[in-house]
Amino acid sequence: SEWLNLSTGAYAVYDDNPANADVYGNLYNWYAVDDSRGVCPEDWHVPTDGEYTVLSDYLGGTGSAGGKMKECTEGSCPESEYWSSPNTGATNESGFTGLPGGYRNGNNGDYYYMGYYGYFWSSTEGSSSSAWYRLLYYGNSGIYRYDGNKGSGFSVRCVKD
């Protein structure tokens, strides 16, 4: 219940199981991304919505960039120990190594879709209650852009300044 009413930075581990953090990392609400203490190390930052767009354009556009960002087992792509089959289009040729960490719902605090979806916050606010994020999906090679509830728990990727 604490998670639902937060307007400050917080993180959680999928299903509150520490073993999930070892593989997928933490799930952060957007307030952690926007926190002045910084979720990223010094000289690193969470990419803006525009930086994610530049990346997906560079990788061939939204229809194929997701596959180039998804983790797969080297030498046997698109197979993956972490993504559910079929992990369509996965090559990880970008080196992003996106994992399907699922998410924590900002409305009820429940966890969903580990193994199927990877949700990644951008640092760009949408409205007072939302911010932009990117979604990778096991069933195709696209990357999707959405405006989501700041209280949701998503993965965070840091990039060098």
N, C-alpha and C. Protein backbone atom coordinates (compact mmCIF):
# COMPACT_ATOMS: atom_id res chain seq x y z
N SER A 1 0.82 -1.20 0.00
CA SER A 1 0.00 0.00 0.00
C SER A 1 0.86 1.26 0.00
N GLU A 2 2.07 1.18 0.57
CA GLU A 2 2.95 2.34 0.58
C GLU A 2 3.27 2.79 -0.85
N TRP A 3 3.52 1.82 -1.73
CA TRP A 3 3.93 2.11 -3.11
C TRP A 3 2.90 2.98 -3.81
N LEU A 4 1.64 2.77 -3.54
CA LEU A 4 0.56 3.45 -4.26
C LEU A 4 0.49 4.95 -4.01
N ASN A 5 0.94 5.39 -2.88
CA ASN A 5 0.78 6.79 -2.51
C ASN A 5 2.07 7.61 -2.57
N LEU A 6 3.11 7.05 -3.17
CA LEU A 6 4.39 7.74 -3.21
C LEU A 6 4.41 8.86 -4.25
N SER A 7 5.08 9.94 -3.90
CA SER A 7 5.39 10.99 -4.87
C SER A 7 6.87 11.36 -4.72
N THR A 8 7.62 10.43 -4.11
CA THR A 8 9.07 10.55 -3.96
C THR A 8 9.71 9.30 -4.55
N GLY A 9 11.01 9.38 -4.80
CA GLY A 9 11.73 8.27 -5.43
C GLY A 9 11.70 7.00 -4.61
N ALA A 10 11.46 5.89 -5.31
CA ALA A 10 11.44 4.58 -4.66
C ALA A 10 11.78 3.51 -5.68
N TYR A 11 12.21 2.37 -5.17
CA TYR A 11 12.44 1.23 -6.05
C TYR A 11 11.95 -0.03 -5.36
N ALA A 12 11.76 -1.06 -6.15
CA ALA A 12 11.31 -2.35 -5.64
C ALA A 12 11.98 -3.43 -6.48
N VAL A 13 11.93 -4.65 -5.98
CA VAL A 13 12.41 -5.81 -6.71
C VAL A 13 11.19 -6.65 -7.08
N TYR A 14 11.14 -7.11 -8.32
CA TYR A 14 9.99 -7.87 -8.82
C TYR A 14 9.62 -8.98 -7.83
N ASP A 15 8.34 -9.02 -7.46
CA ASP A 15 7.79 -9.98 -6.50
C ASP A 15 8.49 -9.94 -5.14
N ASP A 16 9.19 -8.85 -4.86
CA ASP A 16 9.92 -8.71 -3.60
C ASP A 16 10.89 -9.86 -3.37
N ASN A 17 11.41 -10.42 -4.47
CA ASN A 17 12.33 -11.56 -4.42
C ASN A 17 13.73 -11.08 -4.79
N PRO A 18 14.67 -11.05 -3.83
CA PRO A 18 16.02 -10.53 -4.11
C PRO A 18 16.72 -11.22 -5.29
N ALA A 19 16.41 -12.46 -5.56
CA ALA A 19 17.03 -13.16 -6.69
C ALA A 19 16.69 -12.48 -8.02
N ASN A 20 15.53 -11.87 -8.10
CA ASN A 20 15.15 -11.16 -9.33
C ASN A 20 16.02 -9.93 -9.56
N ALA A 21 16.48 -9.30 -8.49
CA ALA A 21 17.36 -8.12 -8.64
C ALA A 21 18.70 -8.52 -9.24
N ASP A 22 19.17 -9.72 -8.94
CA ASP A 22 20.44 -10.19 -9.48
C ASP A 22 20.42 -10.26 -11.00
N VAL A 23 19.27 -10.60 -11.57
CA VAL A 23 19.15 -10.73 -13.03
C VAL A 23 18.61 -9.45 -13.66
N TYR A 24 17.50 -8.94 -13.15
CA TYR A 24 16.76 -7.86 -13.80
C TYR A 24 17.00 -6.48 -13.21
N GLY A 25 17.65 -6.39 -12.08
CA GLY A 25 17.83 -5.11 -11.41
C GLY A 25 16.56 -4.69 -10.69
N ASN A 26 16.50 -3.43 -10.33
CA ASN A 26 15.36 -2.89 -9.60
C ASN A 26 14.35 -2.27 -10.55
N LEU A 27 13.15 -2.10 -10.05
CA LEU A 27 12.09 -1.37 -10.75
C LEU A 27 11.89 -0.06 -10.00
N TYR A 28 12.04 1.05 -10.70
CA TYR A 28 12.00 2.38 -10.09
C TYR A 28 10.74 3.12 -10.50
N ASN A 29 10.15 3.86 -9.57
CA ASN A 29 9.11 4.78 -10.01
C ASN A 29 9.80 5.98 -10.68
N TRP A 30 9.02 6.78 -11.42
CA TRP A 30 9.63 7.88 -12.15
C TRP A 30 10.19 8.95 -11.22
N TYR A 31 9.65 9.03 -10.02
CA TYR A 31 10.15 10.03 -9.07
C TYR A 31 11.61 9.76 -8.71
N ALA A 32 12.05 8.51 -8.76
CA ALA A 32 13.46 8.19 -8.54
C ALA A 32 14.31 8.70 -9.70
N VAL A 33 13.76 8.64 -10.91
CA VAL A 33 14.47 9.15 -12.09
C VAL A 33 14.66 10.66 -11.98
N ASP A 34 13.66 11.34 -11.46
CA ASP A 34 13.66 12.81 -11.36
C ASP A 34 14.28 13.32 -10.06
N ASP A 35 14.66 12.43 -9.17
CA ASP A 35 15.20 12.79 -7.85
C ASP A 35 16.56 13.47 -8.01
N SER A 36 16.79 14.55 -7.28
CA SER A 36 18.04 15.32 -7.39
C SER A 36 19.26 14.50 -6.94
N ARG A 37 19.06 13.46 -6.16
CA ARG A 37 20.19 12.62 -5.73
C ARG A 37 20.71 11.77 -6.88
N GLY A 38 19.89 11.59 -7.91
CA GLY A 38 20.32 10.86 -9.10
C GLY A 38 20.29 9.36 -8.94
N VAL A 39 19.60 8.71 -9.84
CA VAL A 39 19.54 7.25 -9.84
C VAL A 39 20.76 6.67 -10.57
N CYS A 40 21.44 7.49 -11.36
CA CYS A 40 22.61 7.06 -12.13
C CYS A 40 23.89 7.53 -11.44
N PRO A 41 24.99 6.84 -11.72
CA PRO A 41 26.28 7.30 -11.18
C PRO A 41 26.66 8.67 -11.74
N GLU A 42 27.63 9.30 -11.09
CA GLU A 42 28.13 10.60 -11.56
C GLU A 42 28.60 10.47 -13.01
N ASP A 43 28.30 11.50 -13.80
CA ASP A 43 28.65 11.55 -15.23
C ASP A 43 27.81 10.60 -16.10
N TRP A 44 26.70 10.15 -15.57
CA TRP A 44 25.75 9.32 -16.31
C TRP A 44 24.37 9.93 -16.10
N HIS A 45 23.42 9.58 -16.98
CA HIS A 45 22.05 10.08 -16.83
C HIS A 45 21.05 9.10 -17.46
N VAL A 46 19.81 9.21 -17.03
CA VAL A 46 18.72 8.46 -17.66
C VAL A 46 18.41 9.16 -18.98
N PRO A 47 18.34 8.41 -20.09
CA PRO A 47 18.11 9.05 -21.39
C PRO A 47 16.78 9.80 -21.44
N THR A 48 16.78 10.88 -22.19
CA THR A 48 15.54 11.61 -22.45
C THR A 48 14.71 10.83 -23.46
N ASP A 49 13.48 11.23 -23.61
CA ASP A 49 12.61 10.67 -24.64
C ASP A 49 13.25 10.85 -26.01
N GLY A 50 13.83 12.03 -26.25
CA GLY A 50 14.49 12.31 -27.52
C GLY A 50 15.70 11.43 -27.77
N GLU A 51 16.47 11.15 -26.72
CA GLU A 51 17.64 10.27 -26.88
C GLU A 51 17.21 8.85 -27.24
N TYR A 52 16.12 8.37 -26.64
CA TYR A 52 15.61 7.05 -27.03
C TYR A 52 15.16 7.06 -28.49
N THR A 53 14.56 8.16 -28.94
CA THR A 53 14.14 8.26 -30.34
C THR A 53 15.35 8.23 -31.27
N VAL A 54 16.41 8.95 -30.93
CA VAL A 54 17.64 8.93 -31.73
C VAL A 54 18.17 7.50 -31.81
N LEU A 55 18.19 6.79 -30.69
CA LEU A 55 18.67 5.40 -30.67
C LEU A 55 17.82 4.51 -31.57
N SER A 56 16.50 4.58 -31.41
CA SER A 56 15.65 3.70 -32.23
C SER A 56 15.74 4.05 -33.71
N ASP A 57 15.86 5.33 -34.04
CA ASP A 57 16.06 5.72 -35.45
C ASP A 57 17.37 5.16 -35.99
N TYR A 58 18.43 5.28 -35.22
CA TYR A 58 19.74 4.78 -35.62
C TYR A 58 19.71 3.26 -35.87
N LEU A 59 18.90 2.56 -35.08
CA LEU A 59 18.82 1.11 -35.19
C LEU A 59 17.81 0.65 -36.24
N GLY A 60 17.29 1.58 -37.04
CA GLY A 60 16.43 1.19 -38.15
C GLY A 60 14.97 1.52 -37.99
N GLY A 61 14.61 2.20 -36.91
CA GLY A 61 13.22 2.60 -36.71
C GLY A 61 12.50 1.73 -35.70
N THR A 62 11.31 2.18 -35.33
CA THR A 62 10.58 1.53 -34.24
C THR A 62 10.16 0.10 -34.56
N GLY A 63 10.08 -0.27 -35.83
CA GLY A 63 9.65 -1.62 -36.18
C GLY A 63 10.69 -2.69 -35.96
N SER A 64 11.97 -2.31 -35.93
CA SER A 64 13.02 -3.32 -35.80
C SER A 64 14.03 -3.03 -34.68
N ALA A 65 14.05 -1.82 -34.17
CA ALA A 65 15.06 -1.45 -33.17
C ALA A 65 14.96 -2.28 -31.89
N GLY A 66 13.75 -2.66 -31.50
CA GLY A 66 13.58 -3.42 -30.26
C GLY A 66 14.32 -4.74 -30.28
N GLY A 67 14.28 -5.44 -31.40
CA GLY A 67 15.01 -6.70 -31.51
C GLY A 67 16.50 -6.51 -31.36
N LYS A 68 16.99 -5.41 -31.87
CA LYS A 68 18.42 -5.11 -31.79
C LYS A 68 18.82 -4.69 -30.38
N MET A 69 17.84 -4.44 -29.52
CA MET A 69 18.09 -4.02 -28.14
C MET A 69 17.83 -5.14 -27.13
N LYS A 70 17.18 -6.22 -27.55
CA LYS A 70 16.82 -7.29 -26.62
C LYS A 70 17.97 -8.27 -26.41
N GLU A 71 18.16 -8.66 -25.17
CA GLU A 71 19.14 -9.68 -24.81
C GLU A 71 18.79 -10.98 -25.51
N CYS A 72 19.83 -11.70 -25.91
CA CYS A 72 19.66 -13.06 -26.41
C CYS A 72 20.94 -13.82 -26.13
N THR A 73 20.86 -15.14 -26.17
CA THR A 73 22.01 -15.98 -25.87
C THR A 73 22.97 -15.96 -27.05
N GLU A 74 24.18 -15.46 -26.81
CA GLU A 74 25.17 -15.32 -27.88
C GLU A 74 25.35 -16.66 -28.61
N GLY A 75 25.31 -16.58 -29.92
CA GLY A 75 25.48 -17.77 -30.74
C GLY A 75 24.20 -18.50 -31.04
N SER A 76 23.12 -18.16 -30.34
CA SER A 76 21.85 -18.84 -30.62
C SER A 76 20.66 -17.89 -30.56
N CYS A 77 20.91 -16.63 -30.95
CA CYS A 77 19.82 -15.66 -30.99
C CYS A 77 18.76 -16.15 -31.96
N PRO A 78 17.50 -15.99 -31.70
CA PRO A 78 16.90 -15.16 -30.66
C PRO A 78 16.68 -15.86 -29.31
N GLU A 79 17.19 -17.07 -29.14
CA GLU A 79 17.00 -17.78 -27.87
C GLU A 79 17.55 -16.95 -26.71
N SER A 80 16.89 -17.09 -25.56
CA SER A 80 17.29 -16.33 -24.38
C SER A 80 16.93 -17.11 -23.13
N GLU A 81 17.77 -17.00 -22.15
CA GLU A 81 17.48 -17.59 -20.85
C GLU A 81 16.41 -16.80 -20.12
N TYR A 82 16.22 -15.52 -20.51
CA TYR A 82 15.36 -14.62 -19.75
C TYR A 82 14.07 -14.24 -20.47
N TRP A 83 14.13 -14.03 -21.79
CA TRP A 83 12.94 -13.68 -22.55
C TRP A 83 12.14 -14.94 -22.85
N SER A 84 10.83 -14.85 -22.74
CA SER A 84 9.97 -15.95 -23.16
C SER A 84 10.09 -16.14 -24.66
N SER A 85 9.85 -17.33 -25.10
CA SER A 85 9.88 -17.63 -26.53
C SER A 85 8.64 -17.03 -27.18
N PRO A 86 8.74 -16.43 -28.35
CA PRO A 86 9.80 -16.63 -29.34
C PRO A 86 10.91 -15.58 -29.32
N ASN A 87 10.86 -14.57 -28.49
CA ASN A 87 11.88 -13.50 -28.45
C ASN A 87 12.17 -12.99 -29.87
N THR A 88 11.11 -12.71 -30.57
CA THR A 88 11.15 -12.35 -31.98
C THR A 88 12.13 -11.23 -32.30
N GLY A 89 12.97 -11.48 -33.29
CA GLY A 89 13.88 -10.46 -33.81
C GLY A 89 15.08 -10.16 -32.95
N ALA A 90 15.24 -10.84 -31.81
CA ALA A 90 16.32 -10.51 -30.88
C ALA A 90 17.68 -10.83 -31.48
N THR A 91 18.55 -9.80 -31.52
CA THR A 91 19.94 -9.96 -31.95
C THR A 91 20.89 -9.31 -30.97
N ASN A 92 20.42 -8.35 -30.20
CA ASN A 92 21.22 -7.54 -29.28
C ASN A 92 22.41 -6.89 -29.98
N GLU A 93 22.31 -6.67 -31.28
CA GLU A 93 23.44 -6.09 -32.00
C GLU A 93 23.80 -4.69 -31.53
N SER A 94 22.92 -4.03 -30.81
CA SER A 94 23.22 -2.70 -30.27
C SER A 94 24.04 -2.77 -28.99
N GLY A 95 24.04 -3.92 -28.32
CA GLY A 95 24.70 -4.05 -27.03
C GLY A 95 23.88 -3.53 -25.87
N PHE A 96 22.64 -3.15 -26.10
CA PHE A 96 21.75 -2.64 -25.06
C PHE A 96 21.42 -3.73 -24.03
N THR A 97 21.30 -4.96 -24.49
CA THR A 97 21.03 -6.13 -23.65
C THR A 97 19.80 -5.91 -22.77
N GLY A 98 18.72 -5.44 -23.40
CA GLY A 98 17.48 -5.20 -22.67
C GLY A 98 16.87 -6.49 -22.15
N LEU A 99 16.51 -6.48 -20.88
CA LEU A 99 15.91 -7.65 -20.24
C LEU A 99 14.43 -7.41 -19.94
N PRO A 100 13.66 -8.49 -19.87
CA PRO A 100 12.23 -8.39 -19.62
C PRO A 100 11.91 -8.36 -18.13
N GLY A 101 12.23 -7.25 -17.49
CA GLY A 101 12.06 -7.14 -16.05
C GLY A 101 10.64 -6.94 -15.58
N GLY A 102 9.68 -6.84 -16.52
CA GLY A 102 8.29 -6.60 -16.13
C GLY A 102 8.12 -5.22 -15.51
N TYR A 103 7.06 -5.06 -14.72
CA TYR A 103 6.84 -3.76 -14.08
C TYR A 103 6.02 -3.91 -12.81
N ARG A 104 6.03 -2.86 -12.01
CA ARG A 104 5.18 -2.77 -10.83
C ARG A 104 4.11 -1.74 -11.11
N ASN A 105 2.86 -2.15 -10.96
CA ASN A 105 1.72 -1.30 -11.28
C ASN A 105 1.61 -0.15 -10.28
N GLY A 106 1.46 1.06 -10.81
CA GLY A 106 1.36 2.25 -9.97
C GLY A 106 0.00 2.43 -9.33
N ASN A 107 -0.99 1.64 -9.75
CA ASN A 107 -2.34 1.77 -9.20
C ASN A 107 -2.66 0.74 -8.12
N ASN A 108 -2.00 -0.43 -8.17
CA ASN A 108 -2.30 -1.44 -7.16
C ASN A 108 -1.06 -2.06 -6.52
N GLY A 109 0.14 -1.75 -7.03
CA GLY A 109 1.38 -2.26 -6.45
C GLY A 109 1.73 -3.67 -6.87
N ASP A 110 0.90 -4.31 -7.69
CA ASP A 110 1.18 -5.67 -8.15
C ASP A 110 2.25 -5.69 -9.24
N TYR A 111 2.85 -6.85 -9.42
CA TYR A 111 3.90 -7.04 -10.43
C TYR A 111 3.34 -7.81 -11.61
N TYR A 112 3.82 -7.44 -12.82
CA TYR A 112 3.32 -8.07 -14.04
C TYR A 112 4.42 -8.24 -15.09
N TYR A 113 4.32 -9.30 -15.86
CA TYR A 113 4.99 -9.51 -17.16
C TYR A 113 6.49 -9.73 -17.17
N MET A 114 7.10 -10.14 -16.06
CA MET A 114 8.51 -10.49 -16.12
C MET A 114 8.68 -11.65 -17.11
N GLY A 115 9.67 -11.54 -17.97
CA GLY A 115 9.90 -12.55 -18.99
C GLY A 115 9.26 -12.21 -20.33
N TYR A 116 8.32 -11.28 -20.31
CA TYR A 116 7.56 -10.93 -21.52
C TYR A 116 7.80 -9.50 -22.01
N TYR A 117 7.95 -8.56 -21.08
CA TYR A 117 8.09 -7.15 -21.44
C TYR A 117 9.24 -6.51 -20.67
N GLY A 118 9.92 -5.59 -21.33
CA GLY A 118 10.91 -4.74 -20.67
C GLY A 118 10.45 -3.30 -20.79
N TYR A 119 10.25 -2.64 -19.67
CA TYR A 119 9.80 -1.25 -19.60
C TYR A 119 10.98 -0.40 -19.14
N PHE A 120 11.27 0.69 -19.86
CA PHE A 120 12.42 1.52 -19.54
C PHE A 120 12.00 2.99 -19.49
N TRP A 121 12.16 3.60 -18.31
CA TRP A 121 11.83 5.02 -18.15
C TRP A 121 12.75 5.89 -19.00
N SER A 122 12.22 7.00 -19.49
CA SER A 122 13.04 8.11 -19.97
C SER A 122 12.99 9.16 -18.85
N SER A 123 13.79 10.18 -18.98
CA SER A 123 13.79 11.25 -17.98
C SER A 123 12.80 12.36 -18.33
N THR A 124 12.02 12.16 -19.39
CA THR A 124 11.13 13.20 -19.89
C THR A 124 9.72 13.05 -19.32
N GLU A 125 9.28 14.12 -18.67
CA GLU A 125 7.93 14.15 -18.12
C GLU A 125 6.91 14.30 -19.24
N GLY A 126 5.77 13.65 -19.08
CA GLY A 126 4.67 13.80 -20.04
C GLY A 126 3.71 14.86 -19.53
N SER A 127 3.01 14.54 -18.48
CA SER A 127 2.11 15.48 -17.82
C SER A 127 2.47 15.48 -16.34
N SER A 128 1.67 16.11 -15.52
CA SER A 128 1.98 16.15 -14.09
C SER A 128 1.97 14.75 -13.46
N SER A 129 1.25 13.82 -14.05
CA SER A 129 1.17 12.47 -13.48
C SER A 129 1.77 11.39 -14.37
N SER A 130 2.42 11.79 -15.48
CA SER A 130 2.95 10.79 -16.39
C SER A 130 4.33 11.17 -16.93
N ALA A 131 5.02 10.17 -17.46
CA ALA A 131 6.33 10.37 -18.08
C ALA A 131 6.48 9.36 -19.22
N TRP A 132 7.40 9.65 -20.14
CA TRP A 132 7.59 8.80 -21.31
C TRP A 132 8.49 7.62 -20.99
N TYR A 133 8.16 6.47 -21.60
CA TYR A 133 8.99 5.28 -21.45
C TYR A 133 8.99 4.49 -22.75
N ARG A 134 9.89 3.51 -22.82
CA ARG A 134 9.97 2.61 -23.97
C ARG A 134 9.67 1.20 -23.51
N LEU A 135 9.09 0.43 -24.42
CA LEU A 135 8.67 -0.93 -24.13
C LEU A 135 9.23 -1.88 -25.18
N LEU A 136 9.85 -2.95 -24.71
CA LEU A 136 10.29 -4.05 -25.56
C LEU A 136 9.39 -5.25 -25.25
N TYR A 137 9.07 -6.06 -26.26
CA TYR A 137 8.09 -7.13 -26.14
C TYR A 137 8.66 -8.42 -26.73
N TYR A 138 8.43 -9.55 -26.06
CA TYR A 138 8.98 -10.83 -26.50
C TYR A 138 8.45 -11.28 -27.86
N GLY A 139 7.26 -10.83 -28.24
CA GLY A 139 6.58 -11.35 -29.42
C GLY A 139 6.87 -10.62 -30.72
N ASN A 140 7.67 -9.53 -30.67
CA ASN A 140 8.04 -8.87 -31.93
C ASN A 140 9.32 -8.06 -31.73
N SER A 141 9.80 -7.47 -32.80
CA SER A 141 11.09 -6.78 -32.75
C SER A 141 10.95 -5.26 -32.65
N GLY A 142 9.75 -4.76 -32.36
CA GLY A 142 9.55 -3.32 -32.26
C GLY A 142 9.96 -2.75 -30.92
N ILE A 143 9.99 -1.43 -30.89
CA ILE A 143 10.15 -0.68 -29.63
C ILE A 143 9.01 0.32 -29.61
N TYR A 144 8.34 0.40 -28.48
CA TYR A 144 7.13 1.20 -28.38
C TYR A 144 7.33 2.34 -27.40
N ARG A 145 6.74 3.47 -27.71
CA ARG A 145 6.84 4.69 -26.90
C ARG A 145 5.48 4.96 -26.27
N TYR A 146 5.47 5.09 -24.95
CA TYR A 146 4.22 5.35 -24.23
C TYR A 146 4.45 6.41 -23.16
N ASP A 147 3.34 7.00 -22.75
CA ASP A 147 3.28 7.98 -21.68
C ASP A 147 2.63 7.24 -20.50
N GLY A 148 3.39 7.01 -19.41
CA GLY A 148 2.88 6.17 -18.34
C GLY A 148 2.84 6.83 -16.97
N ASN A 149 2.09 6.21 -16.09
CA ASN A 149 1.90 6.63 -14.71
C ASN A 149 3.25 6.70 -13.99
N LYS A 150 3.60 7.87 -13.45
CA LYS A 150 4.87 8.07 -12.75
C LYS A 150 5.04 7.14 -11.55
N GLY A 151 3.94 6.63 -11.03
CA GLY A 151 4.00 5.74 -9.88
C GLY A 151 4.32 4.30 -10.23
N SER A 152 4.37 3.96 -11.52
CA SER A 152 4.71 2.60 -11.93
C SER A 152 6.20 2.35 -11.72
N GLY A 153 6.55 1.10 -11.51
CA GLY A 153 7.94 0.70 -11.35
C GLY A 153 8.47 0.08 -12.62
N PHE A 154 9.42 0.75 -13.27
CA PHE A 154 10.04 0.28 -14.51
C PHE A 154 11.54 0.18 -14.33
N SER A 155 12.19 -0.47 -15.28
CA SER A 155 13.66 -0.52 -15.31
C SER A 155 14.19 0.86 -15.71
N VAL A 156 15.46 1.08 -15.39
CA VAL A 156 16.15 2.31 -15.74
C VAL A 156 17.47 1.94 -16.38
N ARG A 157 17.79 2.62 -17.47
CA ARG A 157 19.08 2.45 -18.13
C ARG A 157 19.80 3.78 -18.06
N CYS A 158 21.06 3.76 -17.67
CA CYS A 158 21.86 4.97 -17.60
C CYS A 158 22.80 5.04 -18.80
N VAL A 159 23.03 6.25 -19.31
CA VAL A 159 23.97 6.45 -20.41
C VAL A 159 25.02 7.48 -19.99
N LYS A 160 26.19 7.34 -20.55
CA LYS A 160 27.32 8.23 -20.21
C LYS A 160 27.07 9.62 -20.75
N ASP A 161 27.37 10.64 -19.93
CA ASP A 161 27.24 12.04 -20.34
C ASP A 161 28.20 12.37 -21.47
